[in-house]
Amino acid sequence: MKTNAIKADVVLDAFGLICPMPIAKTCQAIKNMEVGQVLEVIADDEGIVEDMPSWCDTTGNEFLGITEEDGEFHALVRKRADEKEKCDRPPCN
């Protein structure tokens, strides 16, 4: 799926943050969003490539994909039902 065809409702700048902070900030942002909205996370920590799909799997949110260009990662996540949110311990690969 081409992530540039999906419009984000909220953009989170996680540039300069290292694991586990991009996922921790993602969790905080998702909590303030409505079900069905899309979050774009922009980061420069390559750990997000493995961490974001894993976090989505754990929390029940939908991982829409990730792109990378010149060390800048853009991950897209669609918020799913609140009852599946689990933000106690973000993964860190």
PDB file of N, CA and C in Angstrom:
ATOM      1  N   MET A   1       0.843  -1.175   0.000  1.00  0.00           N
ATOM      2  CA  MET A   1       0.000   0.000   0.000  1.00  0.00           C
ATOM      3  C   MET A   1       0.889   1.239   0.000  1.00  0.00           C
ATOM      4  N   LYS A   2       0.603   2.198  -0.855  1.00  0.00           N
ATOM      5  CA  LYS A   2       1.371   3.428  -0.895  1.00  0.00           C
ATOM      6  C   LYS A   2       0.907   4.343   0.225  1.00  0.00           C
ATOM      7  N   THR A   3       1.819   4.653   1.120  1.00  0.00           N
ATOM      8  CA  THR A   3       1.440   5.476   2.264  1.00  0.00           C
ATOM      9  C   THR A   3       1.234   6.933   1.884  1.00  0.00           C
ATOM     10  N   ASN A   4       1.828   7.382   0.775  1.00  0.00           N
ATOM     11  CA  ASN A   4       1.645   8.775   0.387  1.00  0.00           C
ATOM     12  C   ASN A   4       0.249   9.043  -0.161  1.00  0.00           C
ATOM     13  N   ALA A   5      -0.544   8.008  -0.400  1.00  0.00           N
ATOM     14  CA  ALA A   5      -1.918   8.176  -0.867  1.00  0.00           C
ATOM     15  C   ALA A   5      -2.892   8.316   0.299  1.00  0.00           C
ATOM     16  N   ILE A   6      -2.414   8.115   1.517  1.00  0.00           N
ATOM     17  CA  ILE A   6      -3.254   8.183   2.709  1.00  0.00           C
ATOM     18  C   ILE A   6      -3.002   9.507   3.410  1.00  0.00           C
ATOM     19  N   LYS A   7      -4.088  10.224   3.714  1.00  0.00           N
ATOM     20  CA  LYS A   7      -3.971  11.512   4.400  1.00  0.00           C
ATOM     21  C   LYS A   7      -4.062  11.305   5.904  1.00  0.00           C
ATOM     22  N   ALA A   8      -3.074  11.806   6.616  1.00  0.00           N
ATOM     23  CA  ALA A   8      -3.058  11.698   8.076  1.00  0.00           C
ATOM     24  C   ALA A   8      -3.948  12.771   8.694  1.00  0.00           C
ATOM     25  N   ASP A   9      -4.658  12.395   9.751  1.00  0.00           N
ATOM     26  CA  ASP A   9      -5.456  13.348  10.519  1.00  0.00           C
ATOM     27  C   ASP A   9      -4.580  14.080  11.536  1.00  0.00           C
ATOM     28  N   VAL A  10      -3.563  13.387  12.028  1.00  0.00           N
ATOM     29  CA  VAL A  10      -2.645  13.932  13.031  1.00  0.00           C
ATOM     30  C   VAL A  10      -1.226  13.547  12.628  1.00  0.00           C
ATOM     31  N   VAL A  11      -0.285  14.478  12.775  1.00  0.00           N
ATOM     32  CA  VAL A  11       1.124  14.211  12.478  1.00  0.00           C
ATOM     33  C   VAL A  11       1.917  14.348  13.776  1.00  0.00           C
ATOM     34  N   LEU A  12       2.739  13.349  14.060  1.00  0.00           N
ATOM     35  CA  LEU A  12       3.581  13.330  15.253  1.00  0.00           C
ATOM     36  C   LEU A  12       5.043  13.411  14.832  1.00  0.00           C
ATOM     37  N   ASP A  13       5.744  14.431  15.294  1.00  0.00           N
ATOM     38  CA  ASP A  13       7.168  14.594  15.009  1.00  0.00           C
ATOM     39  C   ASP A  13       7.967  13.895  16.102  1.00  0.00           C
ATOM     40  N   ALA A  14       8.566  12.761  15.771  1.00  0.00           N
ATOM     41  CA  ALA A  14       9.391  12.009  16.720  1.00  0.00           C
ATOM     42  C   ALA A  14      10.864  12.066  16.318  1.00  0.00           C
ATOM     43  N   PHE A  15      11.220  13.081  15.553  1.00  0.00           N
ATOM     44  CA  PHE A  15      12.600  13.251  15.097  1.00  0.00           C
ATOM     45  C   PHE A  15      13.514  13.469  16.289  1.00  0.00           C
ATOM     46  N   GLY A  16      14.647  12.773  16.295  1.00  0.00           N
ATOM     47  CA  GLY A  16      15.619  12.920  17.364  1.00  0.00           C
ATOM     48  C   GLY A  16      15.346  12.045  18.573  1.00  0.00           C
ATOM     49  N   LEU A  17      14.211  11.355  18.589  1.00  0.00           N
ATOM     50  CA  LEU A  17      13.871  10.481  19.709  1.00  0.00           C
ATOM     51  C   LEU A  17      14.344   9.063  19.410  1.00  0.00           C
ATOM     52  N   ILE A  18      14.863   8.385  20.434  1.00  0.00           N
ATOM     53  CA  ILE A  18      15.279   6.998  20.262  1.00  0.00           C
ATOM     54  C   ILE A  18      14.369   6.089  21.070  1.00  0.00           C
ATOM     55  N   CYS A  19      14.377   4.828  20.711  1.00  0.00           N
ATOM     56  CA  CYS A  19      13.536   3.829  21.346  1.00  0.00           C
ATOM     57  C   CYS A  19      13.700   3.870  22.864  1.00  0.00           C
ATOM     58  N   PRO A  20      12.587   3.881  23.575  1.00  0.00           N
ATOM     59  CA  PRO A  20      11.215   3.588  23.167  1.00  0.00           C
ATOM     60  C   PRO A  20      10.353   4.823  22.933  1.00  0.00           C
ATOM     61  N   MET A  21      10.950   6.019  22.878  1.00  0.00           N
ATOM     62  CA  MET A  21      10.161   7.249  22.839  1.00  0.00           C
ATOM     63  C   MET A  21       9.255   7.418  21.615  1.00  0.00           C
ATOM     64  N   PRO A  22       9.664   7.062  20.384  1.00  0.00           N
ATOM     65  CA  PRO A  22       8.713   7.215  19.279  1.00  0.00           C
ATOM     66  C   PRO A  22       7.419   6.419  19.502  1.00  0.00           C
ATOM     67  N   ILE A  23       7.534   5.216  20.063  1.00  0.00           N
ATOM     68  CA  ILE A  23       6.341   4.401  20.323  1.00  0.00           C
ATOM     69  C   ILE A  23       5.563   4.964  21.509  1.00  0.00           C
ATOM     70  N   ALA A  24       6.263   5.416  22.546  1.00  0.00           N
ATOM     71  CA  ALA A  24       5.587   6.008  23.706  1.00  0.00           C
ATOM     72  C   ALA A  24       4.799   7.248  23.288  1.00  0.00           C
ATOM     73  N   LYS A  25       5.383   8.091  22.442  1.00  0.00           N
ATOM     74  CA  LYS A  25       4.692   9.291  21.950  1.00  0.00           C
ATOM     75  C   LYS A  25       3.531   8.905  21.036  1.00  0.00           C
ATOM     76  N   THR A  26       3.710   7.835  20.255  1.00  0.00           N
ATOM     77  CA  THR A  26       2.626   7.334  19.405  1.00  0.00           C
ATOM     78  C   THR A  26       1.441   6.927  20.264  1.00  0.00           C
ATOM     79  N   CYS A  27       1.714   6.220  21.338  1.00  0.00           N
ATOM     80  CA  CYS A  27       0.664   5.764  22.246  1.00  0.00           C
ATOM     81  C   CYS A  27      -0.104   6.950  22.827  1.00  0.00           C
ATOM     82  N   GLN A  28       0.621   7.982  23.256  1.00  0.00           N
ATOM     83  CA  GLN A  28      -0.024   9.176  23.804  1.00  0.00           C
ATOM     84  C   GLN A  28      -0.902   9.850  22.756  1.00  0.00           C
ATOM     85  N   ALA A  29      -0.387   9.970  21.543  1.00  0.00           N
ATOM     86  CA  ALA A  29      -1.139  10.633  20.476  1.00  0.00           C
ATOM     87  C   ALA A  29      -2.401   9.854  20.118  1.00  0.00           C
ATOM     88  N   ILE A  30      -2.285   8.536  19.998  1.00  0.00           N
ATOM     89  CA  ILE A  30      -3.423   7.684  19.637  1.00  0.00           C
ATOM     90  C   ILE A  30      -4.545   7.802  20.674  1.00  0.00           C
ATOM     91  N   LYS A  31      -4.181   7.917  21.945  1.00  0.00           N
ATOM     92  CA  LYS A  31      -5.187   8.031  23.010  1.00  0.00           C
ATOM     93  C   LYS A  31      -6.082   9.251  22.822  1.00  0.00           C
ATOM     94  N   ASN A  32      -5.550  10.311  22.203  1.00  0.00           N
ATOM     95  CA  ASN A  32      -6.298  11.549  22.009  1.00  0.00           C
ATOM     96  C   ASN A  32      -7.022  11.620  20.670  1.00  0.00           C
ATOM     97  N   MET A  33      -6.994  10.534  19.913  1.00  0.00           N
ATOM     98  CA  MET A  33      -7.622  10.512  18.591  1.00  0.00           C
ATOM     99  C   MET A  33      -8.923   9.729  18.616  1.00  0.00           C
ATOM    100  N   GLU A  34      -9.731   9.943  17.590  1.00  0.00           N
ATOM    101  CA  GLU A  34     -10.979   9.206  17.417  1.00  0.00           C
ATOM    102  C   GLU A  34     -10.702   7.910  16.657  1.00  0.00           C
ATOM    103  N   VAL A  35     -11.497   6.889  16.939  1.00  0.00           N
ATOM    104  CA  VAL A  35     -11.392   5.625  16.210  1.00  0.00           C
ATOM    105  C   VAL A  35     -11.568   5.906  14.716  1.00  0.00           C
ATOM    106  N   GLY A  36     -10.676   5.345  13.906  1.00  0.00           N
ATOM    107  CA  GLY A  36     -10.725   5.526  12.454  1.00  0.00           C
ATOM    108  C   GLY A  36      -9.778   6.597  11.937  1.00  0.00           C
ATOM    109  N   GLN A  37      -9.319   7.480  12.814  1.00  0.00           N
ATOM    110  CA  GLN A  37      -8.387   8.514  12.380  1.00  0.00           C
ATOM    111  C   GLN A  37      -7.006   7.913  12.127  1.00  0.00           C
ATOM    112  N   VAL A  38      -6.225   8.605  11.284  1.00  0.00           N
ATOM    113  CA  VAL A  38      -4.892   8.141  10.907  1.00  0.00           C
ATOM    114  C   VAL A  38      -3.828   9.058  11.502  1.00  0.00           C
ATOM    115  N   LEU A  39      -2.820   8.430  12.098  1.00  0.00           N
ATOM    116  CA  LEU A  39      -1.668   9.129  12.665  1.00  0.00           C
ATOM    117  C   LEU A  39      -0.457   8.877  11.780  1.00  0.00           C
ATOM    118  N   GLU A  40       0.264   9.947  11.453  1.00  0.00           N
ATOM    119  CA  GLU A  40       1.544   9.820  10.756  1.00  0.00           C
ATOM    120  C   GLU A  40       2.646  10.130  11.760  1.00  0.00           C
ATOM    121  N   VAL A  41       3.575   9.210  11.913  1.00  0.00           N
ATOM    122  CA  VAL A  41       4.714   9.397  12.812  1.00  0.00           C
ATOM    123  C   VAL A  41       5.957   9.593  11.952  1.00  0.00           C
ATOM    124  N   ILE A  42       6.632  10.720  12.157  1.00  0.00           N
ATOM    125  CA  ILE A  42       7.856  11.019  11.419  1.00  0.00           C
ATOM    126  C   ILE A  42       9.022  10.851  12.387  1.00  0.00           C
ATOM    127  N   ALA A  43       9.960   9.975  12.035  1.00  0.00           N
ATOM    128  CA  ALA A  43      11.077   9.667  12.931  1.00  0.00           C
ATOM    129  C   ALA A  43      12.357   9.432  12.141  1.00  0.00           C
ATOM    130  N   ASP A  44      13.479   9.524  12.853  1.00  0.00           N
ATOM    131  CA  ASP A  44      14.764   9.211  12.224  1.00  0.00           C
ATOM    132  C   ASP A  44      15.427   7.995  12.874  1.00  0.00           C
ATOM    133  N   ASP A  45      14.764   7.383  13.844  1.00  0.00           N
ATOM    134  CA  ASP A  45      15.263   6.160  14.493  1.00  0.00           C
ATOM    135  C   ASP A  45      14.770   4.958  13.686  1.00  0.00           C
ATOM    136  N   GLU A  46      15.700   4.218  13.076  1.00  0.00           N
ATOM    137  CA  GLU A  46      15.302   3.104  12.210  1.00  0.00           C
ATOM    138  C   GLU A  46      14.606   1.975  12.965  1.00  0.00           C
ATOM    139  N   GLY A  47      14.653   1.988  14.287  1.00  0.00           N
ATOM    140  CA  GLY A  47      13.941   0.992  15.079  1.00  0.00           C
ATOM    141  C   GLY A  47      12.444   1.023  14.851  1.00  0.00           C
ATOM    142  N   ILE A  48      11.942   2.156  14.375  1.00  0.00           N
ATOM    143  CA  ILE A  48      10.510   2.299  14.131  1.00  0.00           C
ATOM    144  C   ILE A  48      10.019   1.316  13.061  1.00  0.00           C
ATOM    145  N   VAL A  49      10.918   0.895  12.179  1.00  0.00           N
ATOM    146  CA  VAL A  49      10.547  -0.030  11.097  1.00  0.00           C
ATOM    147  C   VAL A  49      10.025  -1.349  11.664  1.00  0.00           C
ATOM    148  N   GLU A  50      10.635  -1.838  12.732  1.00  0.00           N
ATOM    149  CA  GLU A  50      10.173  -3.075  13.373  1.00  0.00           C
ATOM    150  C   GLU A  50       9.208  -2.794  14.520  1.00  0.00           C
ATOM    151  N   ASP A  51       9.456  -1.705  15.247  1.00  0.00           N
ATOM    152  CA  ASP A  51       8.662  -1.422  16.444  1.00  0.00           C
ATOM    153  C   ASP A  51       7.212  -1.052  16.147  1.00  0.00           C
ATOM    154  N   MET A  52       6.978  -0.247  15.105  1.00  0.00           N
ATOM    155  CA  MET A  52       5.614   0.222  14.841  1.00  0.00           C
ATOM    156  C   MET A  52       4.667  -0.919  14.462  1.00  0.00           C
ATOM    157  N   PRO A  53       5.028  -1.813  13.527  1.00  0.00           N
ATOM    158  CA  PRO A  53       4.119  -2.930  13.232  1.00  0.00           C
ATOM    159  C   PRO A  53       3.877  -3.814  14.456  1.00  0.00           C
ATOM    160  N   SER A  54       4.920  -4.023  15.250  1.00  0.00           N
ATOM    161  CA  SER A  54       4.793  -4.839  16.458  1.00  0.00           C
ATOM    162  C   SER A  54       3.852  -4.184  17.461  1.00  0.00           C
ATOM    163  N   TRP A  55       4.000  -2.883  17.659  1.00  0.00           N
ATOM    164  CA  TRP A  55       3.134  -2.150  18.586  1.00  0.00           C
ATOM    165  C   TRP A  55       1.678  -2.205  18.112  1.00  0.00           C
ATOM    166  N   CYS A  56       1.470  -2.018  16.819  1.00  0.00           N
ATOM    167  CA  CYS A  56       0.106  -2.073  16.274  1.00  0.00           C
ATOM    168  C   CYS A  56      -0.507  -3.449  16.497  1.00  0.00           C
ATOM    169  N   ASP A  57       0.282  -4.476  16.291  1.00  0.00           N
ATOM    170  CA  ASP A  57      -0.169  -5.848  16.523  1.00  0.00           C
ATOM    171  C   ASP A  57      -0.597  -6.048  17.977  1.00  0.00           C
ATOM    172  N   THR A  58       0.198  -5.532  18.888  1.00  0.00           N
ATOM    173  CA  THR A  58      -0.062  -5.670  20.319  1.00  0.00           C
ATOM    174  C   THR A  58      -1.295  -4.892  20.761  1.00  0.00           C
ATOM    175  N   THR A  59      -1.490  -3.697  20.199  1.00  0.00           N
ATOM    176  CA  THR A  59      -2.559  -2.809  20.661  1.00  0.00           C
ATOM    177  C   THR A  59      -3.851  -2.926  19.869  1.00  0.00           C
ATOM    178  N   GLY A  60      -3.806  -3.585  18.716  1.00  0.00           N
ATOM    179  CA  GLY A  60      -5.010  -3.706  17.901  1.00  0.00           C
ATOM    180  C   GLY A  60      -5.221  -2.551  16.947  1.00  0.00           C
ATOM    181  N   ASN A  61      -4.253  -1.633  16.878  1.00  0.00           N
ATOM    182  CA  ASN A  61      -4.342  -0.553  15.904  1.00  0.00           C
ATOM    183  C   ASN A  61      -3.855  -1.074  14.556  1.00  0.00           C
ATOM    184  N   GLU A  62      -4.243  -0.402  13.483  1.00  0.00           N
ATOM    185  CA  GLU A  62      -3.926  -0.882  12.138  1.00  0.00           C
ATOM    186  C   GLU A  62      -2.672  -0.206  11.590  1.00  0.00           C
ATOM    187  N   PHE A  63      -1.649  -1.003  11.317  1.00  0.00           N
ATOM    188  CA  PHE A  63      -0.426  -0.497  10.698  1.00  0.00           C
ATOM    189  C   PHE A  63      -0.680  -0.365   9.205  1.00  0.00           C
ATOM    190  N   LEU A  64      -0.564   0.858   8.679  1.00  0.00           N
ATOM    191  CA  LEU A  64      -0.860   1.111   7.272  1.00  0.00           C
ATOM    192  C   LEU A  64       0.383   1.112   6.392  1.00  0.00           C
ATOM    193  N   GLY A  65       1.547   1.164   7.009  1.00  0.00           N
ATOM    194  CA  GLY A  65       2.772   1.124   6.224  1.00  0.00           C
ATOM    195  C   GLY A  65       3.780   2.154   6.675  1.00  0.00           C
ATOM    196  N   ILE A  66       4.963   2.038   6.092  1.00  0.00           N
ATOM    197  CA  ILE A  66       6.052   2.958   6.425  1.00  0.00           C
ATOM    198  C   ILE A  66       6.880   3.208   5.172  1.00  0.00           C
ATOM    199  N   THR A  67       7.321   4.440   5.012  1.00  0.00           N
ATOM    200  CA  THR A  67       8.218   4.789   3.914  1.00  0.00           C
ATOM    201  C   THR A  67       9.478   5.399   4.517  1.00  0.00           C
ATOM    202  N   GLU A  68      10.566   5.336   3.757  1.00  0.00           N
ATOM    203  CA  GLU A  68      11.835   5.906   4.209  1.00  0.00           C
ATOM    204  C   GLU A  68      12.489   6.621   3.053  1.00  0.00           C
ATOM    205  N   GLU A  69      12.979   7.813   3.341  1.00  0.00           N
ATOM    206  CA  GLU A  69      13.732   8.552   2.341  1.00  0.00           C
ATOM    207  C   GLU A  69      14.796   9.372   3.056  1.00  0.00           C
ATOM    208  N   ASP A  70      16.034   9.136   2.706  1.00  0.00           N
ATOM    209  CA  ASP A  70      17.170   9.862   3.292  1.00  0.00           C
ATOM    210  C   ASP A  70      17.169   9.823   4.817  1.00  0.00           C
ATOM    211  N   GLY A  71      16.871   8.660   5.381  1.00  0.00           N
ATOM    212  CA  GLY A  71      16.913   8.502   6.830  1.00  0.00           C
ATOM    213  C   GLY A  71      15.706   9.032   7.577  1.00  0.00           C
ATOM    214  N   GLU A  72      14.681   9.464   6.851  1.00  0.00           N
ATOM    215  CA  GLU A  72      13.443   9.961   7.465  1.00  0.00           C
ATOM    216  C   GLU A  72      12.344   8.926   7.236  1.00  0.00           C
ATOM    217  N   PHE A  73      11.782   8.432   8.331  1.00  0.00           N
ATOM    218  CA  PHE A  73      10.748   7.401   8.269  1.00  0.00           C
ATOM    219  C   PHE A  73       9.379   8.024   8.513  1.00  0.00           C
ATOM    220  N   HIS A  74       8.399   7.627   7.697  1.00  0.00           N
ATOM    221  CA  HIS A  74       7.016   8.081   7.848  1.00  0.00           C
ATOM    222  C   HIS A  74       6.147   6.841   8.026  1.00  0.00           C
ATOM    223  N   ALA A  75       5.643   6.653   9.239  1.00  0.00           N
ATOM    224  CA  ALA A  75       4.793   5.498   9.547  1.00  0.00           C
ATOM    225  C   ALA A  75       3.354   5.967   9.694  1.00  0.00           C
ATOM    226  N   LEU A  76       2.421   5.183   9.165  1.00  0.00           N
ATOM    227  CA  LEU A  76       0.999   5.505   9.261  1.00  0.00           C
ATOM    228  C   LEU A  76       0.269   4.433  10.050  1.00  0.00           C
ATOM    229  N   VAL A  77      -0.573   4.898  10.989  1.00  0.00           N
ATOM    230  CA  VAL A  77      -1.327   4.015  11.875  1.00  0.00           C
ATOM    231  C   VAL A  77      -2.768   4.507  11.944  1.00  0.00           C
ATOM    232  N   ARG A  78      -3.720   3.590  11.770  1.00  0.00           N
ATOM    233  CA  ARG A  78      -5.139   3.930  11.938  1.00  0.00           C
ATOM    234  C   ARG A  78      -5.580   3.466  13.324  1.00  0.00           C
ATOM    235  N   LYS A  79      -6.189   4.386  14.070  1.00  0.00           N
ATOM    236  CA  LYS A  79      -6.666   4.035  15.409  1.00  0.00           C
ATOM    237  C   LYS A  79      -7.853   3.085  15.305  1.00  0.00           C
ATOM    238  N   ARG A  80      -7.812   2.062  16.118  1.00  0.00           N
ATOM    239  CA  ARG A  80      -8.910   1.098  16.225  1.00  0.00           C
ATOM    240  C   ARG A  80      -9.548   1.224  17.596  1.00  0.00           C
ATOM    241  N   ALA A  81     -10.402   0.323  17.970  1.00  0.00           N
ATOM    242  CA  ALA A  81     -11.195   0.396  19.202  1.00  0.00           C
ATOM    243  C   ALA A  81     -10.343   0.641  20.447  1.00  0.00           C
ATOM    244  N   ASP A  82     -10.835   1.521  21.317  1.00  0.00           N
ATOM    245  CA  ASP A  82     -10.138   1.901  22.543  1.00  0.00           C
ATOM    246  C   ASP A  82      -9.837   0.728  23.457  1.00  0.00           C
ATOM    247  N   GLU A  83     -10.722  -0.252  23.514  1.00  0.00           N
ATOM    248  CA  GLU A  83     -10.543  -1.339  24.479  1.00  0.00           C
ATOM    249  C   GLU A  83      -9.299  -2.184  24.207  1.00  0.00           C
ATOM    250  N   LYS A  84      -8.707  -2.052  23.033  1.00  0.00           N
ATOM    251  CA  LYS A  84      -7.517  -2.839  22.711  1.00  0.00           C
ATOM    252  C   LYS A  84      -6.223  -2.080  22.987  1.00  0.00           C
ATOM    253  N   GLU A  85      -6.333  -0.840  23.438  1.00  0.00           N
ATOM    254  CA  GLU A  85      -5.122  -0.062  23.674  1.00  0.00           C
ATOM    255  C   GLU A  85      -4.352  -0.594  24.875  1.00  0.00           C
ATOM    256  N   LYS A  86      -3.094  -0.869  24.641  1.00  0.00           N
ATOM    257  CA  LYS A  86      -2.197  -1.332  25.699  1.00  0.00           C
ATOM    258  C   LYS A  86      -0.897  -0.554  25.546  1.00  0.00           C
ATOM    259  N   CYS A  87      -0.687   0.390  26.406  1.00  0.00           N
ATOM    260  CA  CYS A  87       0.494   1.242  26.256  1.00  0.00           C
ATOM    261  C   CYS A  87       1.453   1.125  27.423  1.00  0.00           C
ATOM    262  N   ASP A  88       1.357   0.058  28.195  1.00  0.00           N
ATOM    263  CA  ASP A  88       2.210  -0.070  29.372  1.00  0.00           C
ATOM    264  C   ASP A  88       3.688  -0.155  29.018  1.00  0.00           C
ATOM    265  N   ARG A  89       4.042  -1.062  28.112  1.00  0.00           N
ATOM    266  CA  ARG A  89       5.447  -1.250  27.750  1.00  0.00           C
ATOM    267  C   ARG A  89       5.597  -1.282  26.238  1.00  0.00           C
ATOM    268  N   PRO A  90       6.072  -0.170  25.644  1.00  0.00           N
ATOM    269  CA  PRO A  90       6.272  -0.195  24.200  1.00  0.00           C
ATOM    270  C   PRO A  90       7.417  -1.128  23.827  1.00  0.00           C
ATOM    271  N   PRO A  91       7.309  -1.803  22.668  1.00  0.00           N
ATOM    272  CA  PRO A  91       8.386  -2.687  22.240  1.00  0.00           C
ATOM    273  C   PRO A  91       9.618  -1.887  21.853  1.00  0.00           C
ATOM    274  N   CYS A  92      10.744  -2.486  21.981  1.00  0.00           N
ATOM    275  CA  CYS A  92      11.990  -1.846  21.569  1.00  0.00           C
ATOM    276  C   CYS A  92      12.905  -2.925  21.018  1.00  0.00           C
ATOM    277  N   ASN A  93      13.032  -2.983  19.707  1.00  0.00           N
ATOM    278  CA  ASN A  93      13.875  -3.997  19.072  1.00  0.00           C
ATOM    279  C   ASN A  93      15.274  -3.476  18.855  1.00  0.00           C
TER     280      ASN A  93
END
